[in-house]
Amino acid sequence: MRRNLVRLLAAPLPLLAAAGLFVAPAHAATSAYDSTTQYVAMGDSFSSGLGAPGVTLDCGRSPQGYPTLWAQAHGITAFTDVTCGGAVTDDVLAEQISGLTADTDVVTITIGGNDAGWGAQVLTCMQSGDTACTTAINQAVAGLPAIAAKVETTYTAIRQAAPSATVYVLGYPLLFEESSGCSAWIVPNQYQRKELNRFGRALNQSLDQSAAKSGFQFVDAQSFFAGHAVCASQSWIHPVLNPTPLHPNANGYRLGYLAALNSVTG
């Protein structure tokens, strides 16, 4: 499922204009997983590992993304990776569900951020000012029920294709620190960063509710990235001016997403 780089602008994938585009320390494998575990990684660029080194040119998959790190940490020697940068719910239904089988044991997924147009909101805030930013965020929050319906349809298809799988829905990190100072160059101002994070919180709340309805487990990544978003002195998220803007870097996938997932899987 190759994604055009312009499509990746849609967001929170590569979020800005035509953007194109460290393995985890060894952990002892837990008794719940081993080389026979059937694991499928699904979703968008936050699952494919875009922003970490070594990404593929088609879907932006990196061996330093959290799926590979988690599999390695749990003794899973091979897994199915159908993640793809730019993916929306329709892409999961059309092109990723086929990666699941009745024997699938574990599924991880991030999806919904592109459907909601998070990247377009960042552009609006930076290009059109505070009033337009608030209007865009209000509209995006108001549109979350429609996004939730798409997400829940996707979750239903996952459950039908993998009836016995444990499904972990990972949320998105907040993209920005909200303090007045900022060490990054060219970023939304403090007001806009707070507004964009307001949407991020609302999106994650919606995803959490949809996961619960579907019997899936939501994994909140926000607390694991706290203090390490854009504008932090040690940011785990790439800045705006980067080939993979506003995506986790290698530390973000290892210390943020992998730690979050490990907190619920062991």
C-alpha atoms as a PDB file:
ATOM      1  CA  MET A   1       0.000   0.000   0.000  1.00  0.00           C
ATOM      2  CA  ARG A   2       2.258   2.741  -1.267  1.00  0.00           C
ATOM      3  CA  ARG A   3       1.398   6.245  -0.081  1.00  0.00           C
ATOM      4  CA  ASN A   4       2.114   9.394  -2.034  1.00  0.00           C
ATOM      5  CA  LEU A   5       4.071  11.899   0.068  1.00  0.00           C
ATOM      6  CA  VAL A   6       1.452  14.555  -0.559  1.00  0.00           C
ATOM      7  CA  ARG A   7      -1.100  12.169   0.984  1.00  0.00           C
ATOM      8  CA  LEU A   8       1.120  11.870   4.027  1.00  0.00           C
ATOM      9  CA  LEU A   9       0.514  15.566   4.664  1.00  0.00           C
ATOM     10  CA  ALA A  10      -2.957  14.675   5.838  1.00  0.00           C
ATOM     11  CA  ALA A  11      -1.869  13.961   9.331  1.00  0.00           C
ATOM     12  CA  PRO A  12      -0.376  13.165  11.990  1.00  0.00           C
ATOM     13  CA  LEU A  13       1.775  11.556   9.379  1.00  0.00           C
ATOM     14  CA  PRO A  14       4.244  13.762   7.678  1.00  0.00           C
ATOM     15  CA  LEU A  15       2.296  16.831   8.530  1.00  0.00           C
ATOM     16  CA  LEU A  16       3.720  19.577   6.357  1.00  0.00           C
ATOM     17  CA  ALA A  17       4.155  20.506   2.770  1.00  0.00           C
ATOM     18  CA  ALA A  18       5.127  17.599   0.580  1.00  0.00           C
ATOM     19  CA  ALA A  19       7.209  16.116   3.367  1.00  0.00           C
ATOM     20  CA  GLY A  20       8.743  12.919   2.298  1.00  0.00           C
ATOM     21  CA  LEU A  21       9.698  11.149   3.943  1.00  0.00           C
ATOM     22  CA  PHE A  22      18.440   1.919  18.017  1.00  0.00           C
ATOM     23  CA  VAL A  23      17.017  -1.464  18.579  1.00  0.00           C
ATOM     24  CA  ALA A  24      15.326  -1.744  21.969  1.00  0.00           C
ATOM     25  CA  PRO A  25      17.442  -3.247  24.712  1.00  0.00           C
ATOM     26  CA  ALA A  26      16.849  -6.912  25.099  1.00  0.00           C
ATOM     27  CA  HIS A  27      14.052  -7.845  27.475  1.00  0.00           C
ATOM     28  CA  ALA A  28      13.360 -11.338  28.700  1.00  0.00           C
ATOM     29  CA  ALA A  29      10.493 -12.848  26.778  1.00  0.00           C
ATOM     30  CA  THR A  30       7.414 -13.273  28.934  1.00  0.00           C
ATOM     31  CA  SER A  31       5.624 -16.587  29.232  1.00  0.00           C
ATOM     32  CA  ALA A  32       2.610 -15.134  27.396  1.00  0.00           C
ATOM     33  CA  TYR A  33       4.515 -14.832  24.107  1.00  0.00           C
ATOM     34  CA  ASP A  34       7.049 -16.892  22.217  1.00  0.00           C
ATOM     35  CA  SER A  35       8.178 -17.756  18.714  1.00  0.00           C
ATOM     36  CA  THR A  36       4.770 -19.297  17.966  1.00  0.00           C
ATOM     37  CA  THR A  37       2.812 -16.110  18.762  1.00  0.00           C
ATOM     38  CA  GLN A  38       0.940 -14.863  15.707  1.00  0.00           C
ATOM     39  CA  TYR A  39       1.317 -11.068  15.843  1.00  0.00           C
ATOM     40  CA  VAL A  40      -0.014  -8.579  13.293  1.00  0.00           C
ATOM     41  CA  ALA A  41       0.932  -4.885  13.323  1.00  0.00           C
ATOM     42  CA  MET A  42      -1.628  -2.622  11.650  1.00  0.00           C
ATOM     43  CA  GLY A  43      -2.288   1.066  11.201  1.00  0.00           C
ATOM     44  CA  ASP A  44      -0.714   4.304  10.072  1.00  0.00           C
ATOM     45  CA  SER A  45       2.749   5.861  10.232  1.00  0.00           C
ATOM     46  CA  PHE A  46       2.822   5.991  14.032  1.00  0.00           C
ATOM     47  CA  SER A  47       2.771   2.194  13.890  1.00  0.00           C
ATOM     48  CA  SER A  48       4.953   1.813  10.805  1.00  0.00           C
ATOM     49  CA  GLY A  49       7.810   3.620  12.559  1.00  0.00           C
ATOM     50  CA  LEU A  50       8.056   6.646  10.284  1.00  0.00           C
ATOM     51  CA  GLY A  51      10.545   9.027  11.856  1.00  0.00           C
ATOM     52  CA  ALA A  52      12.913   6.294  13.011  1.00  0.00           C
ATOM     53  CA  PRO A  53      15.969   5.264  10.961  1.00  0.00           C
ATOM     54  CA  GLY A  54      15.830   2.722   8.189  1.00  0.00           C
ATOM     55  CA  VAL A  55      12.310   3.339   6.873  1.00  0.00           C
ATOM     56  CA  THR A  56      11.127   1.688   3.681  1.00  0.00           C
ATOM     57  CA  LEU A  57      10.194   3.916   0.766  1.00  0.00           C
ATOM     58  CA  ASP A  58       6.766   2.387   0.204  1.00  0.00           C
ATOM     59  CA  CYS A  59       5.049   2.559   3.599  1.00  0.00           C
ATOM     60  CA  GLY A  60       7.660   4.104   5.869  1.00  0.00           C
ATOM     61  CA  ARG A  61       8.196   0.964   7.948  1.00  0.00           C
ATOM     62  CA  SER A  62      11.218   1.005  10.240  1.00  0.00           C
ATOM     63  CA  PRO A  63      12.819  -1.847  12.186  1.00  0.00           C
ATOM     64  CA  GLN A  64      13.059   0.670  15.019  1.00  0.00           C
ATOM     65  CA  GLY A  65       9.306   1.226  15.159  1.00  0.00           C
ATOM     66  CA  TYR A  66       7.492  -0.168  18.164  1.00  0.00           C
ATOM     67  CA  PRO A  67       6.096  -3.317  16.424  1.00  0.00           C
ATOM     68  CA  THR A  68       9.549  -4.769  15.713  1.00  0.00           C
ATOM     69  CA  LEU A  69      10.865  -3.664  19.106  1.00  0.00           C
ATOM     70  CA  TRP A  70       7.915  -5.253  20.905  1.00  0.00           C
ATOM     71  CA  ALA A  71       8.157  -8.497  18.943  1.00  0.00           C
ATOM     72  CA  GLN A  72      11.880  -8.790  19.632  1.00  0.00           C
ATOM     73  CA  ALA A  73      11.380  -8.053  23.313  1.00  0.00           C
ATOM     74  CA  HIS A  74       8.826 -10.861  23.615  1.00  0.00           C
ATOM     75  CA  GLY A  75      10.535 -13.667  21.746  1.00  0.00           C
ATOM     76  CA  ILE A  76       8.428 -13.293  18.598  1.00  0.00           C
ATOM     77  CA  THR A  77      10.821 -14.126  15.790  1.00  0.00           C
ATOM     78  CA  ALA A  78       8.511 -13.231  12.896  1.00  0.00           C
ATOM     79  CA  PHE A  79       5.343 -11.186  12.577  1.00  0.00           C
ATOM     80  CA  THR A  80       3.053  -9.731   9.937  1.00  0.00           C
ATOM     81  CA  ASP A  81       3.514  -6.004   9.349  1.00  0.00           C
ATOM     82  CA  VAL A  82       0.809  -4.352   7.241  1.00  0.00           C
ATOM     83  CA  THR A  83       1.279  -0.848   8.663  1.00  0.00           C
ATOM     84  CA  CYS A  84       1.559   2.007   6.186  1.00  0.00           C
ATOM     85  CA  GLY A  85       2.215   5.704   6.473  1.00  0.00           C
ATOM     86  CA  GLY A  86      -0.795   7.712   5.314  1.00  0.00           C
ATOM     87  CA  ALA A  87      -3.319   5.021   6.205  1.00  0.00           C
ATOM     88  CA  VAL A  88      -6.881   5.961   7.039  1.00  0.00           C
ATOM     89  CA  THR A  89      -9.622   3.619   8.204  1.00  0.00           C
ATOM     90  CA  ASP A  90     -10.649   2.832   4.622  1.00  0.00           C
ATOM     91  CA  ASP A  91      -7.094   1.672   3.888  1.00  0.00           C
ATOM     92  CA  VAL A  92      -7.136  -0.665   6.872  1.00  0.00           C
ATOM     93  CA  LEU A  93     -10.394  -2.169   5.638  1.00  0.00           C
ATOM     94  CA  ALA A  94      -9.266  -2.462   2.024  1.00  0.00           C
ATOM     95  CA  GLU A  95      -5.628  -3.411   2.361  1.00  0.00           C
ATOM     96  CA  GLN A  96      -4.656  -4.429   5.897  1.00  0.00           C
ATOM     97  CA  ILE A  97      -7.431  -6.721   7.138  1.00  0.00           C
ATOM     98  CA  SER A  98      -6.103  -9.429   4.844  1.00  0.00           C
ATOM     99  CA  GLY A  99      -3.082  -9.714   7.134  1.00  0.00           C
ATOM    100  CA  LEU A 100      -5.302 -11.197   9.842  1.00  0.00           C
ATOM    101  CA  THR A 101      -6.380 -14.809  10.218  1.00  0.00           C
ATOM    102  CA  ALA A 102      -8.383 -16.871  12.674  1.00  0.00           C
ATOM    103  CA  ASP A 103      -5.029 -17.873  14.221  1.00  0.00           C
ATOM    104  CA  THR A 104      -3.905 -14.304  14.948  1.00  0.00           C
ATOM    105  CA  ASP A 105      -3.063 -13.951  18.646  1.00  0.00           C
ATOM    106  CA  VAL A 106      -2.111 -10.282  19.018  1.00  0.00           C
ATOM    107  CA  VAL A 107      -2.915  -7.144  17.041  1.00  0.00           C
ATOM    108  CA  THR A 108      -1.617  -3.612  17.530  1.00  0.00           C
ATOM    109  CA  ILE A 109      -2.943  -0.572  15.705  1.00  0.00           C
ATOM    110  CA  THR A 110      -2.896   3.214  15.546  1.00  0.00           C
ATOM    111  CA  ILE A 111      -5.584   4.671  13.300  1.00  0.00           C
ATOM    112  CA  GLY A 112      -7.854   7.701  13.160  1.00  0.00           C
ATOM    113  CA  GLY A 113      -5.400  10.585  13.157  1.00  0.00           C
ATOM    114  CA  ASN A 114      -5.386  10.864   9.375  1.00  0.00           C
ATOM    115  CA  ASP A 115      -9.153  10.548   9.141  1.00  0.00           C
ATOM    116  CA  ALA A 116      -9.368  13.507  11.500  1.00  0.00           C
ATOM    117  CA  GLY A 117      -6.932  15.658   9.502  1.00  0.00           C
ATOM    118  CA  TRP A 118      -4.602  16.483  12.380  1.00  0.00           C
ATOM    119  CA  GLY A 119      -1.900  17.694  10.014  1.00  0.00           C
ATOM    120  CA  ALA A 120      -4.263  20.112   8.303  1.00  0.00           C
ATOM    121  CA  GLN A 121      -5.016  21.614  11.702  1.00  0.00           C
ATOM    122  CA  VAL A 122      -1.320  22.235  12.333  1.00  0.00           C
ATOM    123  CA  LEU A 123      -1.027  24.002   8.983  1.00  0.00           C
ATOM    124  CA  THR A 124      -4.112  26.123   9.645  1.00  0.00           C
ATOM    125  CA  CYS A 125      -2.841  27.231  13.032  1.00  0.00           C
ATOM    126  CA  MET A 126       0.602  28.148  11.758  1.00  0.00           C
ATOM    127  CA  GLN A 127      -0.532  29.841   8.565  1.00  0.00           C
ATOM    128  CA  SER A 128      -3.803  31.515   9.513  1.00  0.00           C
ATOM    129  CA  GLY A 129      -3.469  32.673  13.117  1.00  0.00           C
ATOM    130  CA  ASP A 130      -5.099  32.061  16.487  1.00  0.00           C
ATOM    131  CA  THR A 131      -8.752  32.666  15.583  1.00  0.00           C
ATOM    132  CA  ALA A 132      -8.612  30.349  12.592  1.00  0.00           C
ATOM    133  CA  CYS A 133      -6.736  27.831  14.701  1.00  0.00           C
ATOM    134  CA  THR A 134      -9.468  27.717  17.344  1.00  0.00           C
ATOM    135  CA  THR A 135     -12.145  27.449  14.669  1.00  0.00           C
ATOM    136  CA  ALA A 136     -10.329  24.533  13.053  1.00  0.00           C
ATOM    137  CA  ILE A 137      -9.891  22.736  16.370  1.00  0.00           C
ATOM    138  CA  ASN A 138     -13.533  23.264  17.322  1.00  0.00           C
ATOM    139  CA  GLN A 139     -14.628  21.828  13.988  1.00  0.00           C
ATOM    140  CA  ALA A 140     -12.279  18.868  14.331  1.00  0.00           C
ATOM    141  CA  VAL A 141     -13.512  18.062  17.832  1.00  0.00           C
ATOM    142  CA  ALA A 142     -17.116  18.339  16.649  1.00  0.00           C
ATOM    143  CA  GLY A 143     -16.291  15.895  13.847  1.00  0.00           C
ATOM    144  CA  LEU A 144     -14.932  13.200  16.146  1.00  0.00           C
ATOM    145  CA  PRO A 145     -18.214  11.234  16.408  1.00  0.00           C
ATOM    146  CA  ALA A 146     -18.085  10.667  12.640  1.00  0.00           C
ATOM    147  CA  ILE A 147     -14.466   9.554  12.922  1.00  0.00           C
ATOM    148  CA  ALA A 148     -15.428   7.241  15.788  1.00  0.00           C
ATOM    149  CA  ALA A 149     -18.026   5.573  13.582  1.00  0.00           C
ATOM    150  CA  LYS A 150     -15.353   4.829  10.966  1.00  0.00           C
ATOM    151  CA  VAL A 151     -12.941   3.583  13.610  1.00  0.00           C
ATOM    152  CA  GLU A 152     -15.559   1.292  15.128  1.00  0.00           C
ATOM    153  CA  THR A 153     -16.419  -0.149  11.726  1.00  0.00           C
ATOM    154  CA  THR A 154     -12.726  -0.892  11.315  1.00  0.00           C
ATOM    155  CA  TYR A 155     -12.545  -2.517  14.737  1.00  0.00           C
ATOM    156  CA  THR A 156     -15.544  -4.702  13.902  1.00  0.00           C
ATOM    157  CA  ALA A 157     -13.768  -5.929  10.776  1.00  0.00           C
ATOM    158  CA  ILE A 158     -10.642  -6.688  12.800  1.00  0.00           C
ATOM    159  CA  ARG A 159     -12.647  -8.720  15.299  1.00  0.00           C
ATOM    160  CA  GLN A 160     -14.386 -10.655  12.532  1.00  0.00           C
ATOM    161  CA  ALA A 161     -11.081 -11.475  10.822  1.00  0.00           C
ATOM    162  CA  ALA A 162      -9.230 -12.317  14.052  1.00  0.00           C
ATOM    163  CA  PRO A 163     -11.900 -13.507  16.497  1.00  0.00           C
ATOM    164  CA  SER A 164      -9.484 -14.752  19.156  1.00  0.00           C
ATOM    165  CA  ALA A 165      -6.884 -11.984  19.015  1.00  0.00           C
ATOM    166  CA  THR A 166      -6.050  -9.600  21.809  1.00  0.00           C
ATOM    167  CA  VAL A 167      -6.163  -6.164  20.191  1.00  0.00           C
ATOM    168  CA  TYR A 168      -4.199  -3.210  21.527  1.00  0.00           C
ATOM    169  CA  VAL A 169      -5.258   0.218  20.259  1.00  0.00           C
ATOM    170  CA  LEU A 170      -2.419   2.657  20.809  1.00  0.00           C
ATOM    171  CA  GLY A 171      -3.243   6.329  21.124  1.00  0.00           C
ATOM    172  CA  TYR A 172      -1.219   9.250  19.834  1.00  0.00           C
ATOM    173  CA  PRO A 173       1.235  11.354  21.831  1.00  0.00           C
ATOM    174  CA  LEU A 174       0.517  15.029  22.304  1.00  0.00           C
ATOM    175  CA  LEU A 175       2.683  16.764  19.723  1.00  0.00           C
ATOM    176  CA  PHE A 176       3.762  19.871  21.613  1.00  0.00           C
ATOM    177  CA  GLU A 177       4.937  21.010  25.010  1.00  0.00           C
ATOM    178  CA  GLU A 178       2.731  23.879  26.159  1.00  0.00           C
ATOM    179  CA  SER A 179       5.225  25.981  28.104  1.00  0.00           C
ATOM    180  CA  SER A 180       5.875  29.490  26.840  1.00  0.00           C
ATOM    181  CA  GLY A 181       9.460  28.836  25.850  1.00  0.00           C
ATOM    182  CA  CYS A 182      10.345  26.649  22.903  1.00  0.00           C
ATOM    183  CA  SER A 183      13.743  25.419  21.770  1.00  0.00           C
ATOM    184  CA  ALA A 184      12.495  24.310  18.353  1.00  0.00           C
ATOM    185  CA  TRP A 185      12.588  26.629  15.349  1.00  0.00           C
ATOM    186  CA  ILE A 186       9.341  27.580  13.598  1.00  0.00           C
ATOM    187  CA  VAL A 187       6.534  26.102  15.676  1.00  0.00           C
ATOM    188  CA  PRO A 188       2.959  27.070  16.483  1.00  0.00           C
ATOM    189  CA  ASN A 189       2.863  29.694  19.203  1.00  0.00           C
ATOM    190  CA  GLN A 190       1.969  28.775  22.785  1.00  0.00           C
ATOM    191  CA  TYR A 191      -1.759  29.384  22.317  1.00  0.00           C
ATOM    192  CA  GLN A 192      -1.825  27.291  19.161  1.00  0.00           C
ATOM    193  CA  ARG A 193       0.151  24.478  20.777  1.00  0.00           C
ATOM    194  CA  LYS A 194      -2.441  24.311  23.554  1.00  0.00           C
ATOM    195  CA  GLU A 195      -5.260  24.237  21.022  1.00  0.00           C
ATOM    196  CA  LEU A 196      -3.610  21.478  18.980  1.00  0.00           C
ATOM    197  CA  ASN A 197      -3.073  19.454  22.142  1.00  0.00           C
ATOM    198  CA  ARG A 198      -6.724  20.011  23.036  1.00  0.00           C
ATOM    199  CA  PHE A 199      -7.614  18.171  19.885  1.00  0.00           C
ATOM    200  CA  GLY A 200      -5.029  15.457  20.618  1.00  0.00           C
ATOM    201  CA  ARG A 201      -6.616  14.798  23.994  1.00  0.00           C
ATOM    202  CA  ALA A 202     -10.105  14.701  22.508  1.00  0.00           C
ATOM    203  CA  LEU A 203      -8.992  12.320  19.754  1.00  0.00           C
ATOM    204  CA  ASN A 204      -7.404   9.944  22.249  1.00  0.00           C
ATOM    205  CA  GLN A 205     -10.496  10.037  24.447  1.00  0.00           C
ATOM    206  CA  SER A 206     -12.625   9.136  21.444  1.00  0.00           C
ATOM    207  CA  LEU A 207     -10.287   6.289  20.475  1.00  0.00           C
ATOM    208  CA  ASP A 208     -10.347   5.001  24.053  1.00  0.00           C
ATOM    209  CA  GLN A 209     -14.148   4.946  24.052  1.00  0.00           C
ATOM    210  CA  SER A 210     -14.308   3.195  20.678  1.00  0.00           C
ATOM    211  CA  ALA A 211     -11.784   0.584  21.817  1.00  0.00           C
ATOM    212  CA  ALA A 212     -13.838  -0.122  24.941  1.00  0.00           C
ATOM    213  CA  LYS A 213     -17.007  -0.576  22.874  1.00  0.00           C
ATOM    214  CA  SER A 214     -15.193  -3.104  20.720  1.00  0.00           C
ATOM    215  CA  GLY A 215     -13.647  -5.046  23.586  1.00  0.00           C
ATOM    216  CA  PHE A 216     -10.158  -3.865  22.677  1.00  0.00           C
ATOM    217  CA  GLN A 217      -7.574  -2.447  25.070  1.00  0.00           C
ATOM    218  CA  PHE A 218      -6.605   1.181  24.665  1.00  0.00           C
ATOM    219  CA  VAL A 219      -2.966   2.036  25.348  1.00  0.00           C
ATOM    220  CA  ASP A 220      -2.547   5.696  26.272  1.00  0.00           C
ATOM    221  CA  ALA A 221       0.823   6.944  25.042  1.00  0.00           C
ATOM    222  CA  GLN A 222       0.417  10.515  26.269  1.00  0.00           C
ATOM    223  CA  SER A 223       1.923  10.036  29.729  1.00  0.00           C
ATOM    224  CA  PHE A 224       4.912   8.154  28.308  1.00  0.00           C
ATOM    225  CA  PHE A 225       5.773  11.050  26.001  1.00  0.00           C
ATOM    226  CA  ALA A 226       5.126  13.711  28.663  1.00  0.00           C
ATOM    227  CA  GLY A 227       7.982  16.191  28.782  1.00  0.00           C
ATOM    228  CA  HIS A 228       9.357  14.953  25.463  1.00  0.00           C
ATOM    229  CA  ALA A 229       7.140  16.565  22.824  1.00  0.00           C
ATOM    230  CA  VAL A 230       8.205  19.285  20.413  1.00  0.00           C
ATOM    231  CA  CYS A 231       9.685  22.227  22.362  1.00  0.00           C
ATOM    232  CA  ALA A 232      11.164  19.964  25.055  1.00  0.00           C
ATOM    233  CA  SER A 233      14.909  20.063  25.590  1.00  0.00           C
ATOM    234  CA  GLN A 234      14.970  16.312  24.884  1.00  0.00           C
ATOM    235  CA  SER A 235      12.194  15.865  22.371  1.00  0.00           C
ATOM    236  CA  TRP A 236      11.142  12.400  21.208  1.00  0.00           C
ATOM    237  CA  ILE A 237       9.086  13.936  18.405  1.00  0.00           C
ATOM    238  CA  HIS A 238      10.610  15.467  15.301  1.00  0.00           C
ATOM    239  CA  PRO A 239      10.105  19.234  14.863  1.00  0.00           C
ATOM    240  CA  VAL A 240       8.060  20.836  12.132  1.00  0.00           C
ATOM    241  CA  LEU A 241      11.046  21.411   9.880  1.00  0.00           C
ATOM    242  CA  ASN A 242      12.057  17.803   9.370  1.00  0.00           C
ATOM    243  CA  PRO A 243      11.579  15.244   6.584  1.00  0.00           C
ATOM    244  CA  THR A 244       9.202  13.377   8.938  1.00  0.00           C
ATOM    245  CA  PRO A 245       7.702  16.265  10.920  1.00  0.00           C
ATOM    246  CA  LEU A 246       5.816  15.632  14.154  1.00  0.00           C
ATOM    247  CA  HIS A 247       6.544  11.912  14.184  1.00  0.00           C
ATOM    248  CA  PRO A 248       8.373  10.087  16.974  1.00  0.00           C
ATOM    249  CA  ASN A 249      12.106   9.626  16.608  1.00  0.00           C
ATOM    250  CA  ALA A 250      13.896   6.416  17.634  1.00  0.00           C
ATOM    251  CA  ASN A 251      13.665   7.338  21.314  1.00  0.00           C
ATOM    252  CA  GLY A 252       9.993   8.087  20.906  1.00  0.00           C
ATOM    253  CA  TYR A 253       9.282   4.615  19.592  1.00  0.00           C
ATOM    254  CA  ARG A 254      11.572   2.897  22.103  1.00  0.00           C
ATOM    255  CA  LEU A 255      11.033   4.941  25.277  1.00  0.00           C
ATOM    256  CA  GLY A 256       7.527   6.175  24.462  1.00  0.00           C
ATOM    257  CA  TYR A 257       5.485   3.712  22.429  1.00  0.00           C
ATOM    258  CA  LEU A 258       7.310   0.497  23.368  1.00  0.00           C
ATOM    259  CA  ALA A 259       7.203   1.432  27.058  1.00  0.00           C
ATOM    260  CA  ALA A 260       3.498   2.196  26.784  1.00  0.00           C
ATOM    261  CA  LEU A 261       2.749  -1.118  25.108  1.00  0.00           C
ATOM    262  CA  ASN A 262       4.920  -3.036  27.562  1.00  0.00           C
ATOM    263  CA  SER A 263       2.980  -1.448  30.430  1.00  0.00           C
ATOM    264  CA  VAL A 264      -0.085  -3.451  29.416  1.00  0.00           C
ATOM    265  CA  THR A 265       1.448  -6.568  27.857  1.00  0.00           C
ATOM    266  CA  GLY A 266       4.298  -7.159  30.290  1.00  0.00           C
END
